Protein backbone atom coordinates (compact mmCIF):
# COMPACT_ATOMS: atom_id res chain seq x y z
CA MET A 1 42.19 -57.23 189.85
CA ILE A 2 45.10 -59.15 191.29
CA ALA A 3 45.16 -61.65 194.15
CA ILE A 4 48.28 -62.66 196.07
CA ASP A 5 48.52 -65.35 198.72
CA PHE A 6 51.29 -65.05 201.29
CA GLY A 7 51.54 -68.51 202.77
CA ASN A 8 53.21 -69.50 206.01
CA LEU A 9 56.69 -69.65 204.42
CA CYS A 10 56.54 -65.89 203.67
CA PHE A 11 56.68 -65.03 207.36
CA ASN A 12 59.97 -64.36 209.14
CA ALA A 13 59.35 -67.03 211.79
CA ALA A 14 60.85 -70.39 210.93
CA VAL A 15 57.55 -72.01 211.87
CA SER A 16 54.36 -70.07 211.22
CA GLU A 17 50.76 -71.03 210.64
CA GLN A 18 49.77 -67.57 209.41
CA ASN A 19 48.47 -66.73 205.97
CA ILE A 20 47.55 -63.46 204.26
CA SER A 21 45.54 -63.24 201.08
CA ALA A 22 45.39 -59.84 199.42
CA VAL A 23 43.29 -58.63 196.52
CA VAL A 24 43.98 -55.25 194.89
CA ALA A 25 42.08 -53.35 192.20
CA PRO A 26 41.81 -49.77 190.97
CA LYS A 27 38.96 -47.73 192.44
CA SER A 28 37.95 -46.60 188.96
CA VAL A 29 36.58 -50.08 188.20
CA TYR A 30 34.16 -50.31 191.16
CA SER A 31 31.42 -47.97 192.34
CA SER A 32 32.16 -48.53 196.03
CA LEU A 33 34.35 -50.39 198.51
CA ASP A 34 31.50 -52.84 199.11
CA ASP A 35 31.17 -53.58 195.37
CA PHE A 36 34.92 -54.23 195.26
CA ILE A 37 34.73 -56.58 198.27
CA THR A 38 31.93 -58.56 196.62
CA ALA A 39 33.93 -58.85 193.38
CA ALA A 40 37.14 -59.71 195.25
CA LEU A 41 35.50 -62.56 197.15
CA LEU A 42 34.03 -63.94 193.91
CA PHE A 43 37.45 -63.62 192.27
CA LEU A 44 39.07 -65.63 195.07
CA ASP A 45 36.35 -68.27 194.82
CA SER A 46 36.90 -68.56 191.06
CA ASP A 47 40.32 -70.19 191.35
CA GLU A 48 41.02 -73.48 193.10
CA ARG A 49 44.31 -72.16 194.51
CA PHE A 50 42.40 -69.50 196.47
CA CYS A 51 39.05 -71.22 196.76
CA SER A 52 37.86 -71.41 200.33
CA ASP A 53 34.18 -70.53 199.93
CA TRP A 54 34.95 -66.88 200.69
CA THR A 55 31.59 -65.65 199.39
CA GLU A 56 29.72 -67.93 201.77
CA LEU A 57 32.03 -67.14 204.69
CA TYR A 58 31.48 -63.38 204.29
CA LYS A 59 27.88 -63.39 203.03
CA ASN A 60 26.69 -61.62 206.19
CA ARG A 61 29.56 -59.17 206.36
CA THR A 62 29.04 -56.05 208.39
CA ASN A 63 31.69 -53.73 206.91
CA LEU A 64 31.93 -51.88 210.20
CA PRO A 65 34.60 -49.17 210.42
CA ALA A 66 37.99 -50.56 211.37
CA SER A 67 39.89 -48.96 214.21
CA GLU A 68 43.42 -47.60 214.11
CA GLU A 69 44.31 -50.61 216.26
CA ASP A 70 42.97 -52.97 213.56
CA LEU A 71 45.07 -51.21 210.92
CA ALA A 72 48.16 -51.28 213.14
CA TRP A 73 47.62 -54.97 213.82
CA MET A 74 47.43 -55.78 210.10
CA LYS A 75 50.51 -53.65 209.46
CA SER A 76 52.37 -55.61 212.13
CA ARG A 77 51.39 -58.88 210.38
CA LEU A 78 52.79 -57.50 207.12
CA GLU A 79 55.97 -56.49 208.97
CA GLU A 80 56.32 -60.10 210.14
CA MET A 81 57.13 -60.92 206.50
CA ASN A 82 59.66 -58.13 205.91
CA GLN A 83 62.67 -60.45 205.59
CA ARG A 84 61.01 -62.15 202.63
CA VAL A 85 58.28 -59.82 201.33
CA THR A 86 57.81 -56.06 201.50
CA VAL A 87 54.38 -54.51 201.00
CA LEU A 88 53.84 -50.85 200.25
CA HIS A 89 50.57 -49.10 199.42
CA GLU A 90 49.17 -45.60 199.55
CA PRO A 91 47.87 -44.28 202.87
CA VAL A 92 44.50 -45.72 203.86
CA THR A 93 41.62 -43.26 203.62
CA ARG A 94 38.90 -45.69 204.76
CA ALA A 95 38.96 -49.12 206.36
CA VAL A 96 36.27 -51.61 207.30
CA ASN A 97 36.19 -54.96 209.07
CA LEU A 98 34.23 -57.39 206.91
CA ILE A 99 33.27 -59.19 210.10
CA PRO A 100 34.32 -58.46 213.68
CA PRO A 101 37.97 -59.44 214.22
CA LYS A 102 38.74 -62.69 216.05
CA TRP A 103 41.93 -63.96 217.63
CA ASN A 104 42.63 -66.04 214.52
CA ASP A 105 40.99 -64.01 211.75
CA LEU A 106 41.14 -60.41 210.55
CA SER A 107 39.46 -59.31 207.33
CA LEU A 108 39.91 -55.71 206.22
CA GLY A 109 38.60 -53.81 203.23
CA LEU A 110 40.81 -50.78 202.59
CA GLU A 111 40.44 -47.73 200.39
CA THR A 112 43.35 -45.55 199.31
CA ASP A 113 43.30 -42.59 196.93
CA SER A 114 43.47 -44.85 193.88
CA GLU A 115 42.93 -48.47 194.98
CA TYR A 116 40.80 -50.87 196.93
CA ILE A 117 42.58 -53.58 198.92
CA LEU A 118 41.19 -56.65 200.62
CA TYR A 119 43.38 -58.23 203.31
CA LEU A 120 42.40 -61.59 204.77
CA TRP A 121 44.68 -62.76 207.58
CA GLY A 122 44.26 -66.01 209.43
CA THR A 123 46.10 -68.54 211.51
CA SER A 124 45.39 -72.04 212.69
CA ALA A 125 47.68 -71.72 215.70
């Protein structure tokens, strides 16, 4: 499992209050997307650089199917970093919202052919 935090300086805008944390792991290690999400949140909580009480924040997660609009929105956030960071992954075969999206928070669990990905986007703006 690997976690990466893209802080506000990764975004193309000179001033940004956005942040994306991503956790990636092979599907072969976890029995389901939900098991991966649980492990990913614990992994983030285990390190003070990522610690934000993720497990508590998402303890009542719904894992409702994400829409194409949700996926497009997250892709557009990743594109907002393309002058500094480029992200490429396999096509998404399944996507869930951990909790319903808000104007300042989007949390997606993604499944590809070979990996699970957790994207946590937020802004304080």
